[in-house]
N, C-alpha and C. Protein backbone atom coordinates (compact mmCIF):
# COMPACT_ATOMS: atom_id res chain seq x y z
N MET A 1 -77.88 -50.05 -76.56
CA MET A 1 -77.55 -50.85 -77.88
C MET A 1 -77.10 -52.46 -77.63
N GLU A 2 -75.93 -52.12 -76.83
CA GLU A 2 -75.22 -53.53 -76.38
C GLU A 2 -76.09 -54.28 -75.85
N GLY A 3 -77.09 -54.46 -75.06
CA GLY A 3 -78.07 -55.53 -74.30
C GLY A 3 -79.01 -56.07 -75.51
N ASP A 4 -79.03 -55.05 -76.55
CA ASP A 4 -80.04 -55.69 -77.58
C ASP A 4 -79.09 -56.46 -78.35
N ASN A 5 -77.80 -56.27 -78.81
CA ASN A 5 -77.48 -57.39 -79.28
C ASN A 5 -76.92 -59.03 -78.59
N LYS A 6 -76.88 -58.45 -77.33
CA LYS A 6 -76.96 -60.00 -76.50
C LYS A 6 -78.16 -60.63 -76.75
N MET A 7 -79.27 -59.95 -76.61
CA MET A 7 -80.40 -60.65 -76.63
C MET A 7 -80.68 -61.12 -77.98
N ASN A 8 -80.60 -60.41 -79.07
CA ASN A 8 -80.52 -61.13 -80.24
C ASN A 8 -79.49 -62.44 -80.49
N THR A 9 -78.38 -62.41 -79.78
CA THR A 9 -77.49 -63.44 -79.87
C THR A 9 -78.01 -64.65 -79.00
N ASN A 10 -78.60 -64.44 -78.33
CA ASN A 10 -79.50 -65.55 -77.40
C ASN A 10 -80.47 -66.05 -78.05
N ALA A 11 -81.35 -65.35 -78.63
CA ALA A 11 -82.40 -65.60 -79.33
C ALA A 11 -81.88 -66.46 -80.78
N THR A 12 -81.01 -65.97 -81.51
CA THR A 12 -80.43 -66.63 -82.49
C THR A 12 -79.80 -67.99 -81.82
N THR A 13 -79.30 -68.29 -80.93
CA THR A 13 -78.61 -69.47 -80.15
C THR A 13 -79.71 -70.25 -80.26
N ALA A 14 -80.82 -69.97 -79.64
CA ALA A 14 -81.63 -70.94 -79.29
C ALA A 14 -82.27 -71.57 -80.64
N LYS A 15 -82.49 -70.59 -81.66
CA LYS A 15 -83.28 -70.93 -82.87
C LYS A 15 -82.16 -72.05 -83.81
N GLU A 16 -81.17 -71.85 -83.51
CA GLU A 16 -80.08 -72.80 -84.46
C GLU A 16 -80.37 -74.29 -83.80
N PRO A 17 -80.21 -74.95 -84.62
CA PRO A 17 -79.76 -76.47 -84.21
C PRO A 17 -79.03 -76.91 -82.88
N ASN A 18 -78.04 -76.27 -83.20
CA ASN A 18 -77.02 -76.65 -82.76
C ASN A 18 -76.80 -75.88 -81.11
N GLY A 19 -77.76 -74.35 -80.99
CA GLY A 19 -77.96 -73.97 -80.21
C GLY A 19 -78.28 -74.66 -79.02
N LYS A 20 -79.19 -75.37 -78.63
CA LYS A 20 -79.54 -76.17 -77.42
C LYS A 20 -78.18 -77.07 -77.12
N ILE A 21 -77.65 -77.46 -77.78
CA ILE A 21 -76.28 -78.06 -77.55
C ILE A 21 -75.51 -77.14 -76.82
N ARG A 22 -75.05 -76.16 -77.33
CA ARG A 22 -74.21 -75.10 -76.97
C ARG A 22 -74.99 -74.84 -75.51
N GLN A 23 -76.08 -74.75 -75.45
CA GLN A 23 -76.56 -74.08 -74.33
C GLN A 23 -76.22 -75.33 -73.53
N ALA A 24 -76.62 -76.53 -73.81
CA ALA A 24 -76.25 -77.67 -72.69
C ALA A 24 -74.53 -77.99 -72.31
N PHE A 25 -73.88 -77.66 -73.43
CA PHE A 25 -72.57 -77.64 -72.82
C PHE A 25 -72.26 -76.59 -71.92
N GLU A 26 -72.74 -75.03 -71.99
CA GLU A 26 -72.69 -74.10 -71.19
C GLU A 26 -73.13 -74.47 -69.63
N THR A 27 -74.18 -74.90 -69.83
CA THR A 27 -74.93 -75.61 -68.36
C THR A 27 -74.25 -76.53 -67.46
N VAL A 28 -73.45 -77.51 -68.55
CA VAL A 28 -72.47 -78.55 -67.84
C VAL A 28 -71.23 -77.55 -67.57
N GLY A 29 -71.00 -76.49 -68.14
CA GLY A 29 -69.67 -76.14 -67.79
C GLY A 29 -69.84 -75.21 -66.57
N THR A 30 -70.94 -74.91 -66.56
CA THR A 30 -71.33 -73.91 -65.17
C THR A 30 -71.41 -74.91 -64.01
N ILE A 31 -72.10 -75.94 -64.18
CA ILE A 31 -72.21 -77.13 -63.27
C ILE A 31 -70.53 -77.56 -62.80
N ALA A 32 -69.71 -77.71 -63.38
CA ALA A 32 -68.46 -78.21 -62.99
C ALA A 32 -67.78 -76.96 -62.45
N GLU A 33 -67.78 -75.86 -63.08
CA GLU A 33 -67.48 -74.73 -62.22
C GLU A 33 -67.78 -74.97 -60.76
N ALA A 34 -68.98 -74.97 -60.63
CA ALA A 34 -69.77 -75.20 -59.16
C ALA A 34 -69.24 -76.33 -58.56
N GLY A 35 -68.89 -77.27 -59.30
CA GLY A 35 -68.15 -78.33 -58.53
C GLY A 35 -66.76 -78.02 -58.13
N LEU A 36 -66.10 -77.40 -59.01
CA LEU A 36 -64.96 -77.34 -58.69
C LEU A 36 -64.64 -76.12 -57.26
N ASP A 37 -65.88 -75.16 -57.36
CA ASP A 37 -65.70 -74.08 -56.23
C ASP A 37 -66.12 -74.92 -54.54
N LEU A 38 -66.77 -75.87 -55.13
CA LEU A 38 -67.23 -76.61 -53.71
C LEU A 38 -66.08 -77.76 -53.11
N GLY A 39 -65.27 -77.86 -54.27
CA GLY A 39 -64.03 -78.72 -53.81
C GLY A 39 -62.83 -77.81 -53.20
N VAL A 40 -62.89 -76.29 -53.90
CA VAL A 40 -61.93 -75.80 -52.99
C VAL A 40 -62.57 -75.25 -51.61
N LEU A 41 -63.93 -74.97 -51.47
CA LEU A 41 -64.47 -74.73 -50.42
C LEU A 41 -64.28 -75.73 -49.17
N LYS A 42 -64.34 -76.85 -49.56
CA LYS A 42 -64.14 -78.42 -48.95
C LYS A 42 -62.63 -78.45 -48.32
N LYS A 43 -61.63 -78.15 -49.39
CA LYS A 43 -60.47 -78.02 -48.84
C LYS A 43 -60.25 -77.05 -47.94
N LYS A 44 -60.74 -75.59 -48.09
CA LYS A 44 -60.46 -74.64 -47.18
C LYS A 44 -61.07 -75.01 -45.93
N LEU A 45 -62.23 -75.65 -45.99
CA LEU A 45 -62.90 -75.97 -44.70
C LEU A 45 -62.25 -76.64 -43.63
N GLU A 46 -61.80 -77.77 -44.19
CA GLU A 46 -60.67 -79.05 -44.02
C GLU A 46 -59.38 -78.21 -43.19
N SER A 47 -58.58 -77.23 -43.99
CA SER A 47 -57.49 -76.66 -43.84
C SER A 47 -58.23 -76.02 -42.23
N ALA A 48 -59.02 -75.03 -42.12
CA ALA A 48 -59.33 -74.29 -41.14
C ALA A 48 -59.41 -75.16 -39.73
N VAL A 49 -60.25 -76.69 -40.04
CA VAL A 49 -60.68 -77.52 -38.86
C VAL A 49 -59.30 -77.74 -38.50
N ASP A 50 -58.39 -78.31 -39.42
CA ASP A 50 -56.95 -78.66 -39.01
C ASP A 50 -56.25 -77.63 -38.35
N GLU A 51 -56.27 -76.49 -38.76
CA GLU A 51 -55.87 -75.23 -37.63
C GLU A 51 -56.23 -75.28 -36.32
N ALA A 52 -57.48 -75.17 -36.51
CA ALA A 52 -58.42 -75.00 -35.13
C ALA A 52 -57.98 -76.03 -34.36
N SER A 53 -57.79 -77.42 -34.79
CA SER A 53 -57.70 -78.30 -34.01
C SER A 53 -55.72 -78.23 -33.13
N LEU A 54 -55.09 -77.98 -34.31
CA LEU A 54 -53.63 -77.58 -34.02
C LEU A 54 -53.24 -76.52 -32.92
N ASP A 55 -54.21 -75.40 -32.86
CA ASP A 55 -54.21 -74.45 -31.80
C ASP A 55 -54.70 -74.92 -30.65
N ALA A 56 -56.07 -75.86 -30.50
CA ALA A 56 -56.36 -76.50 -29.54
C ALA A 56 -55.40 -77.16 -28.53
N ARG A 57 -54.70 -78.21 -29.22
CA ARG A 57 -53.57 -78.97 -28.87
C ARG A 57 -52.30 -78.02 -28.20
N ARG A 58 -52.22 -76.89 -28.99
CA ARG A 58 -51.26 -75.98 -28.55
C ARG A 58 -51.53 -75.23 -27.13
N ILE A 59 -52.65 -75.02 -27.09
CA ILE A 59 -53.15 -74.44 -25.78
C ILE A 59 -53.33 -75.03 -24.81
N ALA A 60 -53.94 -76.27 -24.99
CA ALA A 60 -53.86 -77.58 -23.87
C ALA A 60 -52.44 -77.65 -23.58
N LYS A 61 -51.43 -77.82 -24.29
CA LYS A 61 -50.16 -77.89 -23.82
C LYS A 61 -49.51 -77.02 -22.95
N HIS A 62 -49.86 -75.47 -23.37
CA HIS A 62 -49.30 -74.36 -22.47
C HIS A 62 -49.96 -74.42 -21.39
N GLY A 63 -51.14 -74.67 -21.41
CA GLY A 63 -52.27 -74.90 -20.07
C GLY A 63 -51.40 -76.28 -19.42
N LYS A 64 -50.95 -77.12 -19.84
CA LYS A 64 -50.53 -78.15 -18.96
C LYS A 64 -49.49 -77.89 -18.13
N HIS A 65 -48.40 -76.94 -19.10
CA HIS A 65 -46.96 -76.71 -18.57
C HIS A 65 -47.22 -75.49 -17.53
N ALA A 66 -48.16 -74.68 -17.73
CA ALA A 66 -48.58 -74.05 -16.50
C ALA A 66 -48.81 -74.35 -15.35
N VAL A 67 -49.98 -75.38 -15.21
CA VAL A 67 -50.22 -76.23 -14.28
C VAL A 67 -49.02 -76.98 -13.21
N GLU A 68 -48.36 -77.51 -14.21
CA GLU A 68 -47.07 -78.04 -13.64
C GLU A 68 -45.97 -77.30 -13.17
N ASP A 69 -45.81 -75.99 -13.55
CA ASP A 69 -44.83 -74.97 -13.06
C ASP A 69 -45.78 -74.41 -11.92
N MET A 70 -47.23 -74.17 -11.78
CA MET A 70 -47.31 -73.53 -10.50
C MET A 70 -47.22 -74.76 -9.03
N PHE A 71 -47.56 -75.93 -9.58
CA PHE A 71 -47.45 -77.18 -8.56
C PHE A 71 -45.92 -77.13 -8.39
N GLY A 72 -45.19 -76.89 -9.01
CA GLY A 72 -43.61 -76.89 -8.91
C GLY A 72 -43.45 -75.95 -7.79
N ASP A 73 -44.01 -74.44 -7.95
CA ASP A 73 -43.65 -73.16 -7.23
C ASP A 73 -44.25 -73.38 -5.84
N THR A 74 -45.72 -74.30 -5.88
CA THR A 74 -46.16 -74.34 -4.65
C THR A 74 -45.19 -75.54 -3.69
N THR A 75 -45.10 -76.33 -4.35
CA THR A 75 -44.17 -77.35 -3.50
C THR A 75 -43.00 -76.65 -2.79
N TYR A 76 -42.32 -76.03 -3.70
CA TYR A 76 -41.14 -75.40 -3.32
C TYR A 76 -41.55 -74.12 -2.17
N TRP A 77 -42.80 -73.65 -2.21
CA TRP A 77 -42.76 -72.61 -1.41
C TRP A 77 -43.00 -73.23 0.08
N ILE A 78 -43.90 -74.42 -0.15
CA ILE A 78 -44.54 -75.33 1.20
C ILE A 78 -43.18 -75.82 1.82
N LYS A 79 -42.14 -76.44 1.10
CA LYS A 79 -41.22 -77.02 1.31
C LYS A 79 -40.05 -75.72 2.04
N LYS A 80 -39.88 -74.76 1.93
CA LYS A 80 -39.33 -73.45 2.33
C LYS A 80 -40.10 -72.73 3.95
N ASN A 81 -41.30 -72.68 3.44
CA ASN A 81 -42.28 -72.55 4.47
C ASN A 81 -42.92 -73.31 5.16
N PRO A 82 -42.64 -74.30 5.73
CA PRO A 82 -43.53 -75.30 6.06
C PRO A 82 -44.58 -74.99 7.38
N TRP A 83 -44.05 -74.11 8.28
CA TRP A 83 -45.20 -73.90 9.45
C TRP A 83 -45.90 -72.55 8.93
N GLN A 84 -45.64 -71.90 8.17
CA GLN A 84 -46.49 -70.84 7.29
C GLN A 84 -47.45 -71.69 6.73
N THR A 85 -47.46 -72.52 6.00
CA THR A 85 -48.19 -73.43 4.95
C THR A 85 -49.30 -74.05 6.15
N VAL A 86 -48.80 -74.63 7.52
CA VAL A 86 -49.81 -75.22 8.17
C VAL A 86 -50.82 -73.87 8.57
N GLY A 87 -50.10 -72.99 9.28
CA GLY A 87 -51.11 -71.87 9.59
C GLY A 87 -52.13 -71.26 8.58
N TYR A 88 -51.79 -71.42 7.13
CA TYR A 88 -52.89 -70.92 6.03
C TYR A 88 -53.87 -71.74 6.12
N ALA A 89 -52.94 -73.24 5.99
CA ALA A 89 -54.31 -74.41 6.05
C ALA A 89 -55.39 -74.34 7.25
N ALA A 90 -54.70 -74.11 8.32
CA ALA A 90 -55.43 -74.18 9.22
C ALA A 90 -56.53 -73.01 9.28
N GLY A 91 -56.04 -71.77 9.39
CA GLY A 91 -56.76 -70.97 9.00
C GLY A 91 -58.01 -70.88 7.77
N ALA A 92 -57.77 -71.45 6.79
CA ALA A 92 -58.61 -71.87 5.72
C ALA A 92 -59.61 -72.96 6.29
N GLY A 93 -59.25 -73.98 7.19
CA GLY A 93 -59.89 -74.69 7.66
C GLY A 93 -60.86 -74.75 8.33
N LEU A 94 -60.48 -73.66 9.48
CA LEU A 94 -61.49 -72.77 10.51
C LEU A 94 -62.52 -71.86 9.69
N GLY A 95 -62.14 -71.07 8.94
CA GLY A 95 -62.96 -70.32 7.89
C GLY A 95 -64.05 -71.26 7.40
N ILE A 96 -63.75 -72.06 6.79
CA ILE A 96 -64.68 -72.74 6.15
C ILE A 96 -65.50 -73.61 6.94
N GLY A 97 -65.15 -74.04 8.21
CA GLY A 97 -65.63 -74.98 9.02
C GLY A 97 -66.90 -73.88 9.59
N LEU A 98 -66.41 -72.64 10.08
CA LEU A 98 -67.20 -71.72 10.60
C LEU A 98 -68.23 -71.35 9.78
N LEU A 99 -68.19 -71.17 8.71
CA LEU A 99 -69.16 -70.83 7.56
C LEU A 99 -70.31 -71.79 7.21
N ILE A 100 -69.54 -73.28 7.06
CA ILE A 100 -70.54 -74.28 7.13
C ILE A 100 -71.38 -74.22 8.37
N GLY A 101 -71.04 -74.06 9.48
CA GLY A 101 -71.59 -74.12 11.04
C GLY A 101 -72.66 -73.08 10.82
N VAL A 102 -72.46 -71.93 10.40
CA VAL A 102 -73.39 -71.01 10.51
C VAL A 102 -74.55 -71.33 9.59
N LEU A 103 -74.05 -71.58 8.35
CA LEU A 103 -75.18 -72.02 7.48
C LEU A 103 -76.08 -73.20 7.81
N ALA A 104 -75.42 -74.23 8.53
CA ALA A 104 -76.39 -75.16 9.08
C ALA A 104 -77.19 -74.80 9.99
N THR A 105 -76.71 -74.24 10.80
CA THR A 105 -77.61 -73.72 12.02
C THR A 105 -78.63 -72.31 11.67
N ARG A 106 -78.75 -72.16 10.72
CA ARG A 106 -79.75 -70.90 10.71
C ARG A 106 -81.01 -71.70 9.95
N PRO A 107 -81.98 -70.73 10.83
CA PRO A 107 -83.25 -71.26 10.81
C PRO A 107 -83.79 -71.31 9.16
N LYS A 108 -84.51 -72.19 8.88
CA LYS A 108 -85.20 -72.21 7.55
C LYS A 108 -86.55 -71.28 7.35
N ARG A 109 -86.41 -70.13 6.33
CA ARG A 109 -87.47 -69.68 6.01
C ARG A 109 -88.54 -70.12 5.05
N ASP A 110 -89.61 -70.11 5.39
CA ASP A 110 -90.33 -71.11 4.13
C ASP A 110 -91.34 -69.77 3.88
């Protein structure tokens, strides 16, 4: 029954001379609300982009500090144990040299 009243009201509004004007104003109101919603959505999107940019800068800064700490620790360890460092470097160089030698002298398979 309630749906019938709504239909009758719309039909009456369309038949009245001011009904089309009222419909136009309602349409304009709906469009204005949609425009406001788009404005709010744009502001939210800009805010999310700004937050993501800030997070990225923060992560880069933490990464930079971690790398600087690693270099500091490595420098300290090298200065504390110079001969052990030379041994590790020589072993790594020998291993990489042997690997390259084996790969370079392998016969090619067609």
